[in-house]
PDB file of N, CA and C in Angstrom:
ATOM      1  N   MET A   1       1.230 -17.449   0.138  1.00  0.00           N
ATOM      2  CA  MET A   1       1.673 -18.353  -0.892  1.00  0.00           C
ATOM      3  C   MET A   1       3.203 -18.413  -0.864  1.00  0.00           C
ATOM      4  N   LYS A   2       3.711 -19.601  -0.952  1.00  0.00           N
ATOM      5  CA  LYS A   2       5.154 -19.778  -0.882  1.00  0.00           C
ATOM      6  C   LYS A   2       5.786 -19.661  -2.268  1.00  0.00           C
ATOM      7  N   ALA A   3       7.083 -19.348  -2.270  1.00  0.00           N
ATOM      8  CA  ALA A   3       7.812 -19.165  -3.524  1.00  0.00           C
ATOM      9  C   ALA A   3       7.817 -20.451  -4.347  1.00  0.00           C
ATOM     10  N   GLU A   4       7.871 -21.596  -3.704  1.00  0.00           N
ATOM     11  CA  GLU A   4       7.866 -22.871  -4.418  1.00  0.00           C
ATOM     12  C   GLU A   4       6.578 -23.035  -5.225  1.00  0.00           C
ATOM     13  N   GLU A   5       5.450 -22.675  -4.607  1.00  0.00           N
ATOM     14  CA  GLU A   5       4.162 -22.781  -5.282  1.00  0.00           C
ATOM     15  C   GLU A   5       4.103 -21.822  -6.466  1.00  0.00           C
ATOM     16  N   ILE A   6       4.665 -20.635  -6.274  1.00  0.00           N
ATOM     17  CA  ILE A   6       4.641 -19.622  -7.326  1.00  0.00           C
ATOM     18  C   ILE A   6       5.487 -20.068  -8.512  1.00  0.00           C
ATOM     19  N   ARG A   7       6.636 -20.670  -8.253  1.00  0.00           N
ATOM     20  CA  ARG A   7       7.534 -21.101  -9.330  1.00  0.00           C
ATOM     21  C   ARG A   7       6.930 -22.227 -10.166  1.00  0.00           C
ATOM     22  N   LYS A   8       6.014 -23.000  -9.581  1.00  0.00           N
ATOM     23  CA  LYS A   8       5.373 -24.091 -10.311  1.00  0.00           C
ATOM     24  C   LYS A   8       4.305 -23.578 -11.275  1.00  0.00           C
ATOM     25  N   MET A   9       3.843 -22.343 -11.089  1.00  0.00           N
ATOM     26  CA  MET A   9       2.797 -21.768 -11.922  1.00  0.00           C
ATOM     27  C   MET A   9       3.378 -21.292 -13.256  1.00  0.00           C
ATOM     28  N   THR A  10       2.540 -21.312 -14.293  1.00  0.00           N
ATOM     29  CA  THR A  10       2.970 -20.804 -15.595  1.00  0.00           C
ATOM     30  C   THR A  10       2.870 -19.281 -15.594  1.00  0.00           C
ATOM     31  N   ASP A  11       3.428 -18.658 -16.628  1.00  0.00           N
ATOM     32  CA  ASP A  11       3.383 -17.204 -16.734  1.00  0.00           C
ATOM     33  C   ASP A  11       1.944 -16.695 -16.829  1.00  0.00           C
ATOM     34  N   GLU A  12       1.109 -17.405 -17.564  1.00  0.00           N
ATOM     35  CA  GLU A  12      -0.293 -17.004 -17.711  1.00  0.00           C
ATOM     36  C   GLU A  12      -1.020 -17.085 -16.379  1.00  0.00           C
ATOM     37  N   GLU A  13      -0.785 -18.170 -15.641  1.00  0.00           N
ATOM     38  CA  GLU A  13      -1.417 -18.322 -14.332  1.00  0.00           C
ATOM     39  C   GLU A  13      -0.963 -17.215 -13.383  1.00  0.00           C
ATOM     40  N   LEU A  14       0.323 -16.890 -13.441  1.00  0.00           N
ATOM     41  CA  LEU A  14       0.839 -15.825 -12.586  1.00  0.00           C
ATOM     42  C   LEU A  14       0.194 -14.486 -12.930  1.00  0.00           C
ATOM     43  N   GLY A  15       0.043 -14.209 -14.202  1.00  0.00           N
ATOM     44  CA  GLY A  15      -0.586 -12.964 -14.621  1.00  0.00           C
ATOM     45  C   GLY A  15      -2.018 -12.849 -14.115  1.00  0.00           C
ATOM     46  N   LYS A  16      -2.775 -13.942 -14.255  1.00  0.00           N
ATOM     47  CA  LYS A  16      -4.159 -13.952 -13.781  1.00  0.00           C
ATOM     48  C   LYS A  16      -4.217 -13.785 -12.269  1.00  0.00           C
ATOM     49  N   LYS A  17      -3.346 -14.494 -11.568  1.00  0.00           N
ATOM     50  CA  LYS A  17      -3.347 -14.436 -10.108  1.00  0.00           C
ATOM     51  C   LYS A  17      -2.966 -13.044  -9.612  1.00  0.00           C
ATOM     52  N   ILE A  18      -1.994 -12.411 -10.274  1.00  0.00           N
ATOM     53  CA  ILE A  18      -1.594 -11.056  -9.893  1.00  0.00           C
ATOM     54  C   ILE A  18      -2.777 -10.105 -10.065  1.00  0.00           C
ATOM     55  N   GLY A  19      -3.497 -10.239 -11.172  1.00  0.00           N
ATOM     56  CA  GLY A  19      -4.675  -9.407 -11.406  1.00  0.00           C
ATOM     57  C   GLY A  19      -5.734  -9.587 -10.333  1.00  0.00           C
ATOM     58  N   GLU A  20      -5.983 -10.846  -9.977  1.00  0.00           N
ATOM     59  CA  GLU A  20      -6.972 -11.136  -8.934  1.00  0.00           C
ATOM     60  C   GLU A  20      -6.555 -10.529  -7.598  1.00  0.00           C
ATOM     61  N   LEU A  21      -5.274 -10.703  -7.253  1.00  0.00           N
ATOM     62  CA  LEU A  21      -4.793 -10.185  -5.976  1.00  0.00           C
ATOM     63  C   LEU A  21      -4.811  -8.663  -5.940  1.00  0.00           C
ATOM     64  N   GLN A  22      -4.529  -8.022  -7.078  1.00  0.00           N
ATOM     65  CA  GLN A  22      -4.570  -6.562  -7.117  1.00  0.00           C
ATOM     66  C   GLN A  22      -5.996  -6.056  -6.925  1.00  0.00           C
ATOM     67  N   LYS A  23      -6.977  -6.740  -7.516  1.00  0.00           N
ATOM     68  CA  LYS A  23      -8.380  -6.366  -7.314  1.00  0.00           C
ATOM     69  C   LYS A  23      -8.776  -6.548  -5.851  1.00  0.00           C
ATOM     70  N   GLU A  24      -8.367  -7.683  -5.283  1.00  0.00           N
ATOM     71  CA  GLU A  24      -8.685  -7.957  -3.885  1.00  0.00           C
ATOM     72  C   GLU A  24      -8.042  -6.918  -2.973  1.00  0.00           C
ATOM     73  N   LEU A  25      -6.795  -6.560  -3.266  1.00  0.00           N
ATOM     74  CA  LEU A  25      -6.100  -5.550  -2.471  1.00  0.00           C
ATOM     75  C   LEU A  25      -6.817  -4.205  -2.567  1.00  0.00           C
ATOM     76  N   GLY A  26      -7.260  -3.842  -3.771  1.00  0.00           N
ATOM     77  CA  GLY A  26      -7.999  -2.599  -3.946  1.00  0.00           C
ATOM     78  C   GLY A  26      -9.292  -2.584  -3.153  1.00  0.00           C
ATOM     79  N   ASN A  27     -10.020  -3.690  -3.212  1.00  0.00           N
ATOM     80  CA  ASN A  27     -11.271  -3.778  -2.458  1.00  0.00           C
ATOM     81  C   ASN A  27     -11.029  -3.707  -0.958  1.00  0.00           C
ATOM     82  N   LEU A  28     -10.033  -4.444  -0.490  1.00  0.00           N
ATOM     83  CA  LEU A  28      -9.756  -4.445   0.947  1.00  0.00           C
ATOM     84  C   LEU A  28      -9.294  -3.076   1.438  1.00  0.00           C
ATOM     85  N   SER A  29      -8.437  -2.430   0.667  1.00  0.00           N
ATOM     86  CA  SER A  29      -7.956  -1.123   1.106  1.00  0.00           C
ATOM     87  C   SER A  29      -9.092  -0.101   1.078  1.00  0.00           C
ATOM     88  N   PHE A  30     -10.008  -0.220   0.122  1.00  0.00           N
ATOM     89  CA  PHE A  30     -11.177   0.660   0.087  1.00  0.00           C
ATOM     90  C   PHE A  30     -12.043   0.445   1.319  1.00  0.00           C
ATOM     91  N   HIS A  31     -12.324  -0.818   1.631  1.00  0.00           N
ATOM     92  CA  HIS A  31     -13.140  -1.122   2.809  1.00  0.00           C
ATOM     93  C   HIS A  31     -12.435  -0.705   4.091  1.00  0.00           C
ATOM     94  N   HIS A  32     -11.123  -0.785   4.090  1.00  0.00           N
ATOM     95  CA  HIS A  32     -10.357  -0.387   5.271  1.00  0.00           C
ATOM     96  C   HIS A  32     -10.449   1.123   5.495  1.00  0.00           C
ATOM     97  N   CYS A  33     -10.528   1.892   4.422  1.00  0.00           N
ATOM     98  CA  CYS A  33     -10.675   3.349   4.548  1.00  0.00           C
ATOM     99  C   CYS A  33     -12.033   3.711   5.134  1.00  0.00           C
ATOM    100  N   ILE A  34     -13.054   2.954   4.750  1.00  0.00           N
ATOM    101  CA  ILE A  34     -14.405   3.230   5.233  1.00  0.00           C
ATOM    102  C   ILE A  34     -14.570   2.773   6.677  1.00  0.00           C
ATOM    103  N   ARG A  35     -14.178   1.547   6.923  1.00  0.00           N
ATOM    104  CA  ARG A  35     -14.317   0.968   8.249  1.00  0.00           C
ATOM    105  C   ARG A  35     -13.137   0.050   8.475  1.00  0.00           C
ATOM    106  N   PRO A  36     -12.424   0.179   9.577  1.00  0.00           N
ATOM    107  CA  PRO A  36     -11.222  -0.639   9.808  1.00  0.00           C
ATOM    108  C   PRO A  36     -11.508  -2.141   9.694  1.00  0.00           C
ATOM    109  N   LEU A  37     -10.569  -2.824   9.067  1.00  0.00           N
ATOM    110  CA  LEU A  37     -10.684  -4.279   8.924  1.00  0.00           C
ATOM    111  C   LEU A  37     -10.351  -4.957  10.244  1.00  0.00           C
ATOM    112  N   GLU A  38     -10.886  -6.151  10.435  1.00  0.00           N
ATOM    113  CA  GLU A  38     -10.557  -6.921  11.632  1.00  0.00           C
ATOM    114  C   GLU A  38      -9.130  -7.450  11.546  1.00  0.00           C
ATOM    115  N   ASP A  39      -8.735  -7.887  10.350  1.00  0.00           N
ATOM    116  CA  ASP A  39      -7.403  -8.451  10.150  1.00  0.00           C
ATOM    117  C   ASP A  39      -6.648  -7.593   9.131  1.00  0.00           C
ATOM    118  N   THR A  40      -5.956  -6.590   9.613  1.00  0.00           N
ATOM    119  CA  THR A  40      -5.241  -5.685   8.720  1.00  0.00           C
ATOM    120  C   THR A  40      -3.980  -6.314   8.148  1.00  0.00           C
ATOM    121  N   SER A  41      -3.515  -7.407   8.719  1.00  0.00           N
ATOM    122  CA  SER A  41      -2.313  -8.064   8.199  1.00  0.00           C
ATOM    123  C   SER A  41      -2.567  -8.681   6.826  1.00  0.00           C
ATOM    124  N   LYS A  42      -3.835  -8.852   6.483  1.00  0.00           N
ATOM    125  CA  LYS A  42      -4.183  -9.421   5.188  1.00  0.00           C
ATOM    126  C   LYS A  42      -3.695  -8.512   4.057  1.00  0.00           C
ATOM    127  N   LEU A  43      -3.728  -7.197   4.263  1.00  0.00           N
ATOM    128  CA  LEU A  43      -3.237  -6.251   3.258  1.00  0.00           C
ATOM    129  C   LEU A  43      -1.758  -6.484   2.984  1.00  0.00           C
ATOM    130  N   LYS A  44      -0.986  -6.630   4.037  1.00  0.00           N
ATOM    131  CA  LYS A  44       0.458  -6.838   3.909  1.00  0.00           C
ATOM    132  C   LYS A  44       0.756  -8.162   3.218  1.00  0.00           C
ATOM    133  N   LYS A  45       0.016  -9.201   3.570  1.00  0.00           N
ATOM    134  CA  LYS A  45       0.234 -10.515   2.969  1.00  0.00           C
ATOM    135  C   LYS A  45      -0.030 -10.487   1.465  1.00  0.00           C
ATOM    136  N   ILE A  46      -1.085  -9.808   1.064  1.00  0.00           N
ATOM    137  CA  ILE A  46      -1.417  -9.739  -0.358  1.00  0.00           C
ATOM    138  C   ILE A  46      -0.351  -8.955  -1.111  1.00  0.00           C
ATOM    139  N   ARG A  47       0.104  -7.836  -0.542  1.00  0.00           N
ATOM    140  CA  ARG A  47       1.159  -7.050  -1.202  1.00  0.00           C
ATOM    141  C   ARG A  47       2.427  -7.869  -1.378  1.00  0.00           C
ATOM    142  N   LYS A  48       2.782  -8.644  -0.375  1.00  0.00           N
ATOM    143  CA  LYS A  48       3.992  -9.472  -0.458  1.00  0.00           C
ATOM    144  C   LYS A  48       3.830 -10.593  -1.475  1.00  0.00           C
ATOM    145  N   ASP A  49       2.639 -11.186  -1.567  1.00  0.00           N
ATOM    146  CA  ASP A  49       2.396 -12.221  -2.569  1.00  0.00           C
ATOM    147  C   ASP A  49       2.532 -11.656  -3.981  1.00  0.00           C
ATOM    148  N   ILE A  50       1.985 -10.459  -4.195  1.00  0.00           N
ATOM    149  CA  ILE A  50       2.099  -9.809  -5.505  1.00  0.00           C
ATOM    150  C   ILE A  50       3.566  -9.560  -5.826  1.00  0.00           C
ATOM    151  N   ALA A  51       4.324  -9.095  -4.852  1.00  0.00           N
ATOM    152  CA  ALA A  51       5.745  -8.820  -5.072  1.00  0.00           C
ATOM    153  C   ALA A  51       6.508 -10.101  -5.394  1.00  0.00           C
ATOM    154  N   ARG A  52       6.193 -11.202  -4.710  1.00  0.00           N
ATOM    155  CA  ARG A  52       6.855 -12.479  -4.985  1.00  0.00           C
ATOM    156  C   ARG A  52       6.580 -12.928  -6.417  1.00  0.00           C
ATOM    157  N   MET A  53       5.326 -12.796  -6.833  1.00  0.00           N
ATOM    158  CA  MET A  53       4.960 -13.223  -8.184  1.00  0.00           C
ATOM    159  C   MET A  53       5.646 -12.362  -9.238  1.00  0.00           C
ATOM    160  N   ASN A  54       5.698 -11.068  -9.012  1.00  0.00           N
ATOM    161  CA  ASN A  54       6.395 -10.183  -9.949  1.00  0.00           C
ATOM    162  C   ASN A  54       7.876 -10.503 -10.006  1.00  0.00           C
ATOM    163  N   THR A  55       8.471 -10.867  -8.887  1.00  0.00           N
ATOM    164  CA  THR A  55       9.883 -11.235  -8.848  1.00  0.00           C
ATOM    165  C   THR A  55      10.138 -12.474  -9.691  1.00  0.00           C
ATOM    166  N   VAL A  56       9.283 -13.480  -9.553  1.00  0.00           N
ATOM    167  CA  VAL A  56       9.439 -14.710 -10.330  1.00  0.00           C
ATOM    168  C   VAL A  56       9.298 -14.416 -11.824  1.00  0.00           C
ATOM    169  N   LEU A  57       8.309 -13.584 -12.175  1.00  0.00           N
ATOM    170  CA  LEU A  57       8.128 -13.233 -13.602  1.00  0.00           C
ATOM    171  C   LEU A  57       9.358 -12.491 -14.140  1.00  0.00           C
ATOM    172  N   ASN A  58       9.922 -11.583 -13.356  1.00  0.00           N
ATOM    173  CA  ASN A  58      11.104 -10.853 -13.791  1.00  0.00           C
ATOM    174  C   ASN A  58      12.312 -11.770 -13.920  1.00  0.00           C
ATOM    175  N   GLN A  59      12.451 -12.737 -13.025  1.00  0.00           N
ATOM    176  CA  GLN A  59      13.545 -13.686 -13.112  1.00  0.00           C
ATOM    177  C   GLN A  59      13.430 -14.521 -14.370  1.00  0.00           C
ATOM    178  N   ARG A  60      12.229 -14.936 -14.703  1.00  0.00           N
ATOM    179  CA  ARG A  60      12.016 -15.720 -15.916  1.00  0.00           C
ATOM    180  C   ARG A  60      12.306 -14.888 -17.156  1.00  0.00           C
ATOM    181  N   ALA A  61      11.967 -13.619 -17.141  1.00  0.00           N
ATOM    182  CA  ALA A  61      12.212 -12.741 -18.286  1.00  0.00           C
ATOM    183  C   ALA A  61      13.709 -12.521 -18.490  1.00  0.00           C
ATOM    184  N   ASP A  62      14.476 -12.450 -17.410  1.00  0.00           N
ATOM    185  CA  ASP A  62      15.919 -12.276 -17.509  1.00  0.00           C
ATOM    186  C   ASP A  62      16.598 -13.500 -18.115  1.00  0.00           C
ATOM    187  N   ILE A  63      16.076 -14.672 -17.801  1.00  0.00           N
ATOM    188  CA  ILE A  63      16.657 -15.910 -18.295  1.00  0.00           C
ATOM    189  C   ILE A  63      16.391 -16.060 -19.796  1.00  0.00           C
ATOM    190  N   ALA A  64      15.189 -15.717 -20.210  1.00  0.00           N
ATOM    191  CA  ALA A  64      14.789 -15.896 -21.626  1.00  0.00           C
ATOM    192  C   ALA A  64      15.365 -14.877 -22.535  1.00  0.00           C
TER     193      ALA A  64
END
């Protein structure tokens, strides 16, 4: 997900999306511990998306 797309989202949408991505990351990392994933780069992509969303939320909080 690109930063432009993230900035267009509302705070509520960002919160929900972060929650969904954290659940997905937990599930993927659990499955990766049991049996290696075919595409391990997916873990890194999800972590970076979560970080981008948290950055946008923090920037908005600083402005307000």
